[in-house]
All heavy atoms as atom14 arrays in JSON, in Angstrom:
{
  "sequence": "DKNLRDVLAHLYEWHQLLLDWVHSNQNGEEMPFLPEPYNWRTYGDMN",
  "atom14_mask": [
    [1, 1, 1, 1, 1, 1, 1, 1, 0, 0, 0, 0, 0, 0],
    [1, 1, 1, 1, 1, 1, 1, 1, 1, 0, 0, 0, 0, 0],
    [1, 1, 1, 1, 1, 1, 1, 1, 0, 0, 0, 0, 0, 0],
    [1, 1, 1, 1, 1, 1, 1, 1, 0, 0, 0, 0, 0, 0],
    [1, 1, 1, 1, 1, 1, 1, 1, 1, 1, 1, 0, 0, 0],
    [1, 1, 1, 1, 1, 1, 1, 1, 0, 0, 0, 0, 0, 0],
    [1, 1, 1, 1, 1, 1, 1, 0, 0, 0, 0, 0, 0, 0],
    [1, 1, 1, 1, 1, 1, 1, 1, 0, 0, 0, 0, 0, 0],
    [1, 1, 1, 1, 1, 0, 0, 0, 0, 0, 0, 0, 0, 0],
    [1, 1, 1, 1, 1, 1, 1, 1, 1, 1, 0, 0, 0, 0],
    [1, 1, 1, 1, 1, 1, 1, 1, 0, 0, 0, 0, 0, 0],
    [1, 1, 1, 1, 1, 1, 1, 1, 1, 1, 1, 1, 0, 0],
    [1, 1, 1, 1, 1, 1, 1, 1, 1, 0, 0, 0, 0, 0],
    [1, 1, 1, 1, 1, 1, 1, 1, 1, 1, 1, 1, 1, 1],
    [1, 1, 1, 1, 1, 1, 1, 1, 1, 1, 0, 0, 0, 0],
    [1, 1, 1, 1, 1, 1, 1, 1, 1, 0, 0, 0, 0, 0],
    [1, 1, 1, 1, 1, 1, 1, 1, 0, 0, 0, 0, 0, 0],
    [1, 1, 1, 1, 1, 1, 1, 1, 0, 0, 0, 0, 0, 0],
    [1, 1, 1, 1, 1, 1, 1, 1, 0, 0, 0, 0, 0, 0],
    [1, 1, 1, 1, 1, 1, 1, 1, 0, 0, 0, 0, 0, 0],
    [1, 1, 1, 1, 1, 1, 1, 1, 1, 1, 1, 1, 1, 1],
    [1, 1, 1, 1, 1, 1, 1, 0, 0, 0, 0, 0, 0, 0],
    [1, 1, 1, 1, 1, 1, 1, 1, 1, 1, 0, 0, 0, 0],
    [1, 1, 1, 1, 1, 1, 0, 0, 0, 0, 0, 0, 0, 0],
    [1, 1, 1, 1, 1, 1, 1, 1, 0, 0, 0, 0, 0, 0],
    [1, 1, 1, 1, 1, 1, 1, 1, 1, 0, 0, 0, 0, 0],
    [1, 1, 1, 1, 1, 1, 1, 1, 0, 0, 0, 0, 0, 0],
    [1, 1, 1, 1, 0, 0, 0, 0, 0, 0, 0, 0, 0, 0],
    [1, 1, 1, 1, 1, 1, 1, 1, 1, 0, 0, 0, 0, 0],
    [1, 1, 1, 1, 1, 1, 1, 1, 1, 0, 0, 0, 0, 0],
    [1, 1, 1, 1, 1, 1, 1, 1, 0, 0, 0, 0, 0, 0],
    [1, 1, 1, 1, 1, 1, 1, 0, 0, 0, 0, 0, 0, 0],
    [1, 1, 1, 1, 1, 1, 1, 1, 1, 1, 1, 0, 0, 0],
    [1, 1, 1, 1, 1, 1, 1, 1, 0, 0, 0, 0, 0, 0],
    [1, 1, 1, 1, 1, 1, 1, 0, 0, 0, 0, 0, 0, 0],
    [1, 1, 1, 1, 1, 1, 1, 1, 1, 0, 0, 0, 0, 0],
    [1, 1, 1, 1, 1, 1, 1, 0, 0, 0, 0, 0, 0, 0],
    [1, 1, 1, 1, 1, 1, 1, 1, 1, 1, 1, 1, 0, 0],
    [1, 1, 1, 1, 1, 1, 1, 1, 0, 0, 0, 0, 0, 0],
    [1, 1, 1, 1, 1, 1, 1, 1, 1, 1, 1, 1, 1, 1],
    [1, 1, 1, 1, 1, 1, 1, 1, 1, 1, 1, 0, 0, 0],
    [1, 1, 1, 1, 1, 1, 1, 0, 0, 0, 0, 0, 0, 0],
    [1, 1, 1, 1, 1, 1, 1, 1, 1, 1, 1, 1, 0, 0],
    [1, 1, 1, 1, 0, 0, 0, 0, 0, 0, 0, 0, 0, 0],
    [1, 1, 1, 1, 1, 1, 1, 1, 0, 0, 0, 0, 0, 0],
    [1, 1, 1, 1, 1, 1, 1, 1, 0, 0, 0, 0, 0, 0],
    [1, 1, 1, 1, 1, 1, 1, 1, 0, 0, 0, 0, 0, 0]
  ],
  "atom14_positions": [
    [[94.87, 119.43, 90.93], [96.32, 119.53, 90.77], [96.72, 120.96, 90.46], [96.2, 121.56, 89.52], [96.79, 118.58, 89.68], [96.46, 117.13, 90.01], [96.53, 116.76, 91.2], [96.13, 116.37, 89.08], [0.0, 0.0, 0.0], [0.0, 0.0, 0.0], [0.0, 0.0, 0.0], [0.0, 0.0, 0.0], [0.0, 0.0, 0.0], [0.0, 0.0, 0.0]],
    [[97.65, 121.49, 91.24], [98.06, 122.89, 91.1], [99.46, 123.07, 90.55], [99.89, 124.2, 90.3], [97.98, 123.6, 92.46], [96.62, 123.54, 93.13], [95.57, 124.22, 92.29], [94.22, 124.17, 92.97], [93.13, 124.45, 92.05], [0.0, 0.0, 0.0], [0.0, 0.0, 0.0], [0.0, 0.0, 0.0], [0.0, 0.0, 0.0], [0.0, 0.0, 0.0]],
    [[100.19, 121.95, 90.38], [101.57, 122.06, 89.91], [102.06, 120.67, 89.48], [101.36, 119.68, 89.65], [102.48, 122.66, 90.99], [102.35, 121.94, 92.31], [102.4, 120.72, 92.37], [102.16, 122.69, 93.38], [0.0, 0.0, 0.0], [0.0, 0.0, 0.0], [0.0, 0.0, 0.0], [0.0, 0.0, 0.0], [0.0, 0.0, 0.0], [0.0, 0.0, 0.0]],
    [[103.26, 120.64, 88.95], [103.85, 119.38, 88.48], [104.01, 118.38, 89.61], [103.75, 117.19, 89.43], [105.2, 119.66, 87.81], [105.95, 118.45, 87.29], [105.14, 117.68, 86.24], [107.31, 118.87, 86.71], [0.0, 0.0, 0.0], [0.0, 0.0, 0.0], [0.0, 0.0, 0.0], [0.0, 0.0, 0.0], [0.0, 0.0, 0.0], [0.0, 0.0, 0.0]],
    [[104.4, 118.84, 90.77], [104.55, 117.95, 91.93], [103.26, 117.18, 92.19], [103.27, 115.98, 92.44], [104.94, 118.76, 93.16], [105.25, 117.98, 94.42], [104.24, 117.97, 95.57], [103.16, 118.89, 95.55], [103.09, 120.01, 96.27], [104.11, 120.4, 97.02], [102.0, 120.76, 96.23], [0.0, 0.0, 0.0], [0.0, 0.0, 0.0], [0.0, 0.0, 0.0]],
    [[102.12, 117.88, 92.13], [100.83, 117.23, 92.38], [100.57, 116.12, 91.37], [100.08, 115.04, 91.72], [99.69, 118.25, 92.3], [99.71, 119.26, 93.44], [100.42, 119.05, 94.44], [99.0, 120.28, 93.31], [0.0, 0.0, 0.0], [0.0, 0.0, 0.0], [0.0, 0.0, 0.0], [0.0, 0.0, 0.0], [0.0, 0.0, 0.0], [0.0, 0.0, 0.0]],
    [[100.89, 116.36, 90.12], [100.68, 115.37, 89.06], [101.58, 114.15, 89.29], [101.12, 113.0, 89.21], [100.92, 115.99, 87.66], [100.87, 114.93, 86.57], [99.9, 117.1, 87.38], [0.0, 0.0, 0.0], [0.0, 0.0, 0.0], [0.0, 0.0, 0.0], [0.0, 0.0, 0.0], [0.0, 0.0, 0.0], [0.0, 0.0, 0.0], [0.0, 0.0, 0.0]],
    [[102.84, 114.39, 89.57], [103.79, 113.29, 89.77], [103.46, 112.48, 91.02], [103.54, 111.25, 91.0], [105.22, 113.82, 89.82], [105.7, 114.58, 88.58], [107.15, 114.99, 88.75], [105.47, 113.79, 87.32], [0.0, 0.0, 0.0], [0.0, 0.0, 0.0], [0.0, 0.0, 0.0], [0.0, 0.0, 0.0], [0.0, 0.0, 0.0], [0.0, 0.0, 0.0]],
    [[103.06, 113.16, 92.09], [102.68, 112.46, 93.32], [101.44, 111.6, 93.08], [101.33, 110.49, 93.61], [102.44, 113.45, 94.45], [0.0, 0.0, 0.0], [0.0, 0.0, 0.0], [0.0, 0.0, 0.0], [0.0, 0.0, 0.0], [0.0, 0.0, 0.0], [0.0, 0.0, 0.0], [0.0, 0.0, 0.0], [0.0, 0.0, 0.0], [0.0, 0.0, 0.0]],
    [[100.52, 112.08, 92.27], [99.32, 111.32, 91.92], [99.72, 110.03, 91.2], [99.23, 108.94, 91.54], [98.41, 112.17, 91.04], [97.22, 111.45, 90.52], [96.05, 111.35, 91.23], [97.02, 110.78, 89.36], [95.18, 110.64, 90.52], [95.75, 110.29, 89.38], [0.0, 0.0, 0.0], [0.0, 0.0, 0.0], [0.0, 0.0, 0.0], [0.0, 0.0, 0.0]],
    [[100.59, 110.13, 90.22], [101.06, 108.94, 89.5], [101.73, 107.96, 90.45], [101.49, 106.75, 90.38], [102.03, 109.34, 88.38], [101.45, 110.2, 87.24], [102.56, 110.66, 86.32], [100.37, 109.45, 86.48], [0.0, 0.0, 0.0], [0.0, 0.0, 0.0], [0.0, 0.0, 0.0], [0.0, 0.0, 0.0], [0.0, 0.0, 0.0], [0.0, 0.0, 0.0]],
    [[102.57, 108.48, 91.33], [103.27, 107.65, 92.32], [102.27, 106.89, 93.19], [102.42, 105.69, 93.42], [104.18, 108.53, 93.19], [104.63, 107.86, 94.45], [105.67, 106.93, 94.44], [103.98, 108.12, 95.66], [106.06, 106.29, 95.61], [104.37, 107.49, 96.83], [105.4, 106.58, 96.79], [105.79, 105.94, 97.95], [0.0, 0.0, 0.0], [0.0, 0.0, 0.0]],
    [[101.26, 107.57, 93.69], [100.29, 106.94, 94.59], [99.52, 105.83, 93.88], [99.21, 104.8, 94.48], [99.34, 107.97, 95.18], [99.98, 108.86, 96.23], [100.4, 108.12, 97.51], [99.91, 107.0, 97.77], [101.23, 108.67, 98.25], [0.0, 0.0, 0.0], [0.0, 0.0, 0.0], [0.0, 0.0, 0.0], [0.0, 0.0, 0.0], [0.0, 0.0, 0.0]],
    [[99.22, 106.02, 92.59], [98.52, 104.97, 91.85], [99.45, 103.77, 91.62], [99.02, 102.63, 91.61], [97.9, 105.51, 90.57], [96.58, 106.14, 90.9], [96.36, 107.39, 91.41], [95.29, 105.52, 90.8], [95.02, 107.57, 91.63], [94.34, 106.45, 91.26], [94.86, 104.27, 90.37], [92.97, 106.17, 91.29], [93.5, 103.99, 90.39], [92.57, 104.93, 90.86]],
    [[100.74, 104.03, 91.47], [101.7, 102.92, 91.41], [101.65, 102.14, 92.72], [101.66, 100.9, 92.71], [103.12, 103.43, 91.2], [103.42, 103.9, 89.82], [104.57, 104.62, 89.54], [102.76, 103.78, 88.65], [104.6, 104.9, 88.26], [103.51, 104.4, 87.69], [0.0, 0.0, 0.0], [0.0, 0.0, 0.0], [0.0, 0.0, 0.0], [0.0, 0.0, 0.0]],
    [[101.61, 102.87, 93.83], [101.59, 102.21, 95.13], [100.33, 101.36, 95.31], [100.4, 100.27, 95.88], [101.69, 103.25, 96.27], [102.99, 104.01, 96.3], [104.2, 103.11, 96.21], [104.42, 102.25, 97.06], [104.99, 103.29, 95.17], [0.0, 0.0, 0.0], [0.0, 0.0, 0.0], [0.0, 0.0, 0.0], [0.0, 0.0, 0.0], [0.0, 0.0, 0.0]],
    [[99.2, 101.86, 94.82], [97.97, 101.07, 94.88], [98.17, 99.71, 94.2], [97.82, 98.67, 94.76], [96.81, 101.8, 94.18], [96.17, 102.96, 94.88], [95.12, 103.6, 93.97], [95.54, 102.53, 96.2], [0.0, 0.0, 0.0], [0.0, 0.0, 0.0], [0.0, 0.0, 0.0], [0.0, 0.0, 0.0], [0.0, 0.0, 0.0], [0.0, 0.0, 0.0]],
    [[98.71, 99.75, 93.0], [98.92, 98.51, 92.24], [99.92, 97.6, 92.95], [99.66, 96.4, 93.11], [99.42, 98.82, 90.82], [99.68, 97.55, 90.02], [98.51, 97.24, 89.12], [100.96, 97.65, 89.24], [0.0, 0.0, 0.0], [0.0, 0.0, 0.0], [0.0, 0.0, 0.0], [0.0, 0.0, 0.0], [0.0, 0.0, 0.0], [0.0, 0.0, 0.0]],
    [[101.04, 98.14, 93.36], [102.07, 97.33, 94.02], [101.54, 96.68, 95.29], [101.74, 95.47, 95.5], [103.31, 98.2, 94.32], [104.08, 98.69, 93.1], [105.05, 99.81, 93.49], [104.81, 97.56, 92.4], [0.0, 0.0, 0.0], [0.0, 0.0, 0.0], [0.0, 0.0, 0.0], [0.0, 0.0, 0.0], [0.0, 0.0, 0.0], [0.0, 0.0, 0.0]],
    [[100.87, 97.46, 96.13], [100.32, 96.91, 97.38], [99.27, 95.84, 97.1], [99.24, 94.8, 97.75], [99.7, 98.03, 98.23], [100.72, 99.01, 98.77], [101.94, 98.7, 98.74], [100.31, 100.1, 99.22], [0.0, 0.0, 0.0], [0.0, 0.0, 0.0], [0.0, 0.0, 0.0], [0.0, 0.0, 0.0], [0.0, 0.0, 0.0], [0.0, 0.0, 0.0]],
    [[98.41, 96.11, 96.13], [97.33, 95.19, 95.78], [97.86, 93.86, 95.28], [97.46, 92.79, 95.75], [96.45, 95.87, 94.73], [95.34, 95.06, 94.18], [94.26, 94.58, 94.86], [95.17, 94.68, 92.81], [93.42, 93.9, 93.98], [93.96, 93.96, 92.72], [95.92, 94.88, 91.65], [93.49, 93.43, 91.53], [95.45, 94.36, 90.46], [94.24, 93.65, 90.4]],
    [[98.79, 93.91, 94.34], [99.33, 92.68, 93.77], [100.1, 91.9, 94.83], [99.88, 90.7, 95.03], [100.21, 92.95, 92.52], [100.92, 91.68, 92.07], [99.36, 93.51, 91.39], [0.0, 0.0, 0.0], [0.0, 0.0, 0.0], [0.0, 0.0, 0.0], [0.0, 0.0, 0.0], [0.0, 0.0, 0.0], [0.0, 0.0, 0.0], [0.0, 0.0, 0.0]],
    [[101.01, 92.57, 95.54], [101.82, 91.87, 96.54], [100.96, 91.26, 97.64], [101.19, 90.1, 98.04], [102.87, 92.81, 97.15], [103.96, 93.19, 96.2], [104.7, 92.28, 95.49], [104.44, 94.41, 95.85], [105.59, 92.91, 94.73], [105.45, 94.21, 94.93], [0.0, 0.0, 0.0], [0.0, 0.0, 0.0], [0.0, 0.0, 0.0], [0.0, 0.0, 0.0]],
    [[99.97, 91.99, 98.12], [99.09, 91.46, 99.17], [98.36, 90.22, 98.7], [98.32, 89.2, 99.39], [98.08, 92.52, 99.62], [98.74, 93.57, 100.28], [0.0, 0.0, 0.0], [0.0, 0.0, 0.0], [0.0, 0.0, 0.0], [0.0, 0.0, 0.0], [0.0, 0.0, 0.0], [0.0, 0.0, 0.0], [0.0, 0.0, 0.0], [0.0, 0.0, 0.0]],
    [[97.77, 90.3, 97.52], [97.01, 89.16, 97.01], [97.91, 87.97, 96.69], [97.52, 86.83, 96.9], [96.16, 89.58, 95.81], [94.9, 90.32, 96.25], [93.98, 89.72, 96.77], [94.89, 91.64, 96.08], [0.0, 0.0, 0.0], [0.0, 0.0, 0.0], [0.0, 0.0, 0.0], [0.0, 0.0, 0.0], [0.0, 0.0, 0.0], [0.0, 0.0, 0.0]],
    [[99.1, 88.23, 96.2], [100.05, 87.14, 95.94], [100.44, 86.43, 97.24], [100.73, 85.24, 97.23], [101.32, 87.66, 95.27], [101.16, 87.96, 93.8], [102.47, 88.46, 93.19], [103.2, 89.25, 93.8], [102.76, 88.01, 91.99], [0.0, 0.0, 0.0], [0.0, 0.0, 0.0], [0.0, 0.0, 0.0], [0.0, 0.0, 0.0], [0.0, 0.0, 0.0]],
    [[100.44, 87.19, 98.33], [100.81, 86.61, 99.63], [99.61, 86.06, 100.39], [99.71, 85.79, 101.59], [101.53, 87.67, 100.48], [102.9, 88.01, 99.91], [103.56, 87.15, 99.33], [103.3, 89.25, 100.06], [0.0, 0.0, 0.0], [0.0, 0.0, 0.0], [0.0, 0.0, 0.0], [0.0, 0.0, 0.0], [0.0, 0.0, 0.0], [0.0, 0.0, 0.0]],
    [[98.47, 85.93, 99.71], [97.3, 85.33, 100.31], [96.43, 86.27, 101.12], [95.46, 85.84, 101.75], [0.0, 0.0, 0.0], [0.0, 0.0, 0.0], [0.0, 0.0, 0.0], [0.0, 0.0, 0.0], [0.0, 0.0, 0.0], [0.0, 0.0, 0.0], [0.0, 0.0, 0.0], [0.0, 0.0, 0.0], [0.0, 0.0, 0.0], [0.0, 0.0, 0.0]],
    [[96.79, 87.53, 101.15], [95.99, 88.53, 101.87], [95.06, 89.19, 100.86], [95.47, 90.08, 100.11], [96.91, 89.57, 102.52], [96.18, 90.62, 103.31], [97.1, 91.74, 103.78], [98.29, 91.49, 104.0], [96.6, 92.88, 103.88], [0.0, 0.0, 0.0], [0.0, 0.0, 0.0], [0.0, 0.0, 0.0], [0.0, 0.0, 0.0], [0.0, 0.0, 0.0]],
    [[93.82, 88.72, 100.84], [92.87, 89.22, 99.85], [92.51, 90.66, 100.13], [92.07, 91.01, 101.24], [91.61, 88.35, 99.87], [90.97, 88.23, 98.51], [89.85, 87.21, 98.5], [90.14, 86.02, 98.72], [88.72, 87.64, 98.27], [0.0, 0.0, 0.0], [0.0, 0.0, 0.0], [0.0, 0.0, 0.0], [0.0, 0.0, 0.0], [0.0, 0.0, 0.0]],
    [[92.72, 91.5, 99.14], [92.33, 92.91, 99.29], [91.92, 93.46, 97.93], [92.42, 93.02, 96.9], [93.47, 93.73, 99.91], [94.64, 94.03, 99.01], [95.94, 94.98, 99.85], [95.55, 96.65, 99.37], [0.0, 0.0, 0.0], [0.0, 0.0, 0.0], [0.0, 0.0, 0.0], [0.0, 0.0, 0.0], [0.0, 0.0, 0.0], [0.0, 0.0, 0.0]],
    [[91.0, 94.42, 97.93], [90.57, 95.04, 96.67], [91.63, 96.02, 96.17], [92.49, 96.46, 96.94], [89.28, 95.77, 97.06], [89.45, 96.09, 98.51], [90.27, 94.97, 99.09], [0.0, 0.0, 0.0], [0.0, 0.0, 0.0], [0.0, 0.0, 0.0], [0.0, 0.0, 0.0], [0.0, 0.0, 0.0], [0.0, 0.0, 0.0], [0.0, 0.0, 0.0]],
    [[91.54, 96.37, 94.89], [92.49, 97.33, 94.33], [92.4, 98.67, 95.05], [93.41, 99.25, 95.42], [92.24, 97.51, 92.83], [93.21, 98.45, 92.18], [94.49, 98.04, 91.89], [92.85, 99.75, 91.88], [95.41, 98.9, 91.31], [93.75, 100.63, 91.3], [95.03, 100.2, 91.01], [0.0, 0.0, 0.0], [0.0, 0.0, 0.0], [0.0, 0.0, 0.0]],
    [[91.19, 99.18, 95.2], [91.0, 100.45, 95.91], [90.83, 100.16, 97.4], [90.0, 99.32, 97.77], [89.77, 101.19, 95.38], [89.85, 101.63, 93.92], [88.53, 102.28, 93.5], [91.01, 102.57, 93.67], [0.0, 0.0, 0.0], [0.0, 0.0, 0.0], [0.0, 0.0, 0.0], [0.0, 0.0, 0.0], [0.0, 0.0, 0.0], [0.0, 0.0, 0.0]],
    [[91.58, 100.83, 98.24], [91.49, 100.57, 99.68], [90.16, 101.08, 100.26], [89.56, 102.02, 99.74], [92.68, 101.34, 100.25], [92.92, 102.45, 99.27], [92.55, 101.89, 97.92], [0.0, 0.0, 0.0], [0.0, 0.0, 0.0], [0.0, 0.0, 0.0], [0.0, 0.0, 0.0], [0.0, 0.0, 0.0], [0.0, 0.0, 0.0], [0.0, 0.0, 0.0]],
    [[89.75, 100.45, 101.34], [88.56, 100.91, 102.06], [88.8, 102.35, 102.52], [89.93, 102.69, 102.86], [88.31, 100.02, 103.29], [87.9, 98.62, 102.94], [86.5, 98.53, 102.37], [85.66, 99.4, 102.67], [86.24, 97.59, 101.6], [0.0, 0.0, 0.0], [0.0, 0.0, 0.0], [0.0, 0.0, 0.0], [0.0, 0.0, 0.0], [0.0, 0.0, 0.0]],
    [[87.86, 103.21, 102.51], [86.45, 103.01, 102.21], [86.09, 103.36, 100.75], [84.93, 103.56, 100.44], [85.78, 104.02, 103.14], [86.73, 105.19, 103.13], [88.11, 104.57, 103.04], [0.0, 0.0, 0.0], [0.0, 0.0, 0.0], [0.0, 0.0, 0.0], [0.0, 0.0, 0.0], [0.0, 0.0, 0.0], [0.0, 0.0, 0.0], [0.0, 0.0, 0.0]],
    [[87.07, 103.37, 99.86], [86.85, 103.87, 98.5], [86.37, 102.78, 97.56], [86.63, 101.6, 97.76], [88.13, 104.51, 97.96], [88.65, 105.59, 98.87], [89.79, 105.41, 99.65], [87.97, 106.8, 98.98], [90.24, 106.4, 100.5], [88.42, 107.8, 99.83], [89.55, 107.58, 100.59], [89.99, 108.56, 101.44], [0.0, 0.0, 0.0], [0.0, 0.0, 0.0]],
    [[85.68, 103.22, 96.52], [85.26, 102.33, 95.44], [85.35, 103.14, 94.15], [85.79, 104.3, 94.16], [83.85, 101.77, 95.69], [82.81, 102.87, 95.83], [82.74, 103.79, 95.01], [81.99, 102.78, 96.87], [0.0, 0.0, 0.0], [0.0, 0.0, 0.0], [0.0, 0.0, 0.0], [0.0, 0.0, 0.0], [0.0, 0.0, 0.0], [0.0, 0.0, 0.0]],
    [[84.92, 102.55, 93.04], [85.09, 103.23, 91.74], [84.17, 104.44, 91.59], [84.35, 105.25, 90.69], [84.92, 102.24, 90.59], [86.07, 101.29, 90.55], [86.05, 99.96, 90.85], [87.43, 101.59, 90.24], [87.32, 99.42, 90.75], [88.18, 100.41, 90.37], [88.1, 102.76, 89.87], [89.56, 100.35, 90.14], [89.47, 102.71, 89.63], [90.18, 101.51, 89.77]],
    [[83.19, 104.6, 92.48], [82.36, 105.81, 92.46], [82.95, 106.91, 93.32], [82.65, 108.08, 93.12], [80.93, 105.49, 92.93], [80.12, 104.72, 91.89], [78.67, 104.55, 92.32], [78.52, 103.85, 93.59], [78.58, 102.53, 93.78], [78.79, 101.74, 92.76], [78.42, 102.01, 94.98], [0.0, 0.0, 0.0], [0.0, 0.0, 0.0], [0.0, 0.0, 0.0]],
    [[83.79, 106.53, 94.3], [84.31, 107.52, 95.26], [85.82, 107.7, 95.2], [86.39, 108.36, 96.07], [83.91, 107.12, 96.7], [84.53, 105.86, 97.02], [82.39, 107.03, 96.86], [0.0, 0.0, 0.0], [0.0, 0.0, 0.0], [0.0, 0.0, 0.0], [0.0, 0.0, 0.0], [0.0, 0.0, 0.0], [0.0, 0.0, 0.0], [0.0, 0.0, 0.0]],
    [[86.46, 107.12, 94.18], [87.93, 107.2, 94.15], [88.44, 108.64, 94.0], [89.58, 108.93, 94.33], [88.53, 106.29, 93.08], [88.37, 106.75, 91.66], [89.35, 107.52, 91.05], [87.24, 106.42, 90.92], [89.21, 107.94, 89.74], [87.09, 106.84, 89.61], [88.08, 107.61, 89.03], [87.94, 108.03, 87.74], [0.0, 0.0, 0.0], [0.0, 0.0, 0.0]],
    [[87.58, 109.54, 93.53], [87.98, 110.95, 93.47], [88.34, 111.49, 94.85], [89.27, 112.29, 95.0], [0.0, 0.0, 0.0], [0.0, 0.0, 0.0], [0.0, 0.0, 0.0], [0.0, 0.0, 0.0], [0.0, 0.0, 0.0], [0.0, 0.0, 0.0], [0.0, 0.0, 0.0], [0.0, 0.0, 0.0], [0.0, 0.0, 0.0], [0.0, 0.0, 0.0]],
    [[87.6, 111.04, 95.87], [87.91, 111.44, 97.25], [89.28, 110.9, 97.67], [90.02, 111.57, 98.39], [86.84, 110.93, 98.21], [85.46, 111.54, 97.94], [85.4, 112.64, 97.36], [84.46, 110.9, 98.32], [0.0, 0.0, 0.0], [0.0, 0.0, 0.0], [0.0, 0.0, 0.0], [0.0, 0.0, 0.0], [0.0, 0.0, 0.0], [0.0, 0.0, 0.0]],
    [[89.59, 109.7, 97.23], [90.9, 109.11, 97.52], [92.0, 109.95, 96.86], [93.04, 110.22, 97.48], [90.95, 107.67, 97.0], [92.26, 106.97, 97.23], [92.31, 105.35, 96.44], [92.3, 105.82, 94.7], [0.0, 0.0, 0.0], [0.0, 0.0, 0.0], [0.0, 0.0, 0.0], [0.0, 0.0, 0.0], [0.0, 0.0, 0.0], [0.0, 0.0, 0.0]],
    [[91.76, 110.38, 95.64], [92.75, 111.21, 94.95], [92.98, 112.53, 95.68], [94.11, 113.02, 95.73], [92.31, 111.48, 93.51], [92.47, 110.28, 92.62], [93.32, 109.42, 92.86], [91.66, 110.19, 91.58], [0.0, 0.0, 0.0], [0.0, 0.0, 0.0], [0.0, 0.0, 0.0], [0.0, 0.0, 0.0], [0.0, 0.0, 0.0], [0.0, 0.0, 0.0]]
  ]
}
């Protein structure tokens, strides 16, 4: 992160992860919290 925009955009994107994950699963579309191809070891690449 090089500036405030980067920090705020990061927070926004993590909100989107949660919103997409919950809504998809509530609608019967099973999906993991972290989108493919990421996992908890590689989420830094997603960031």
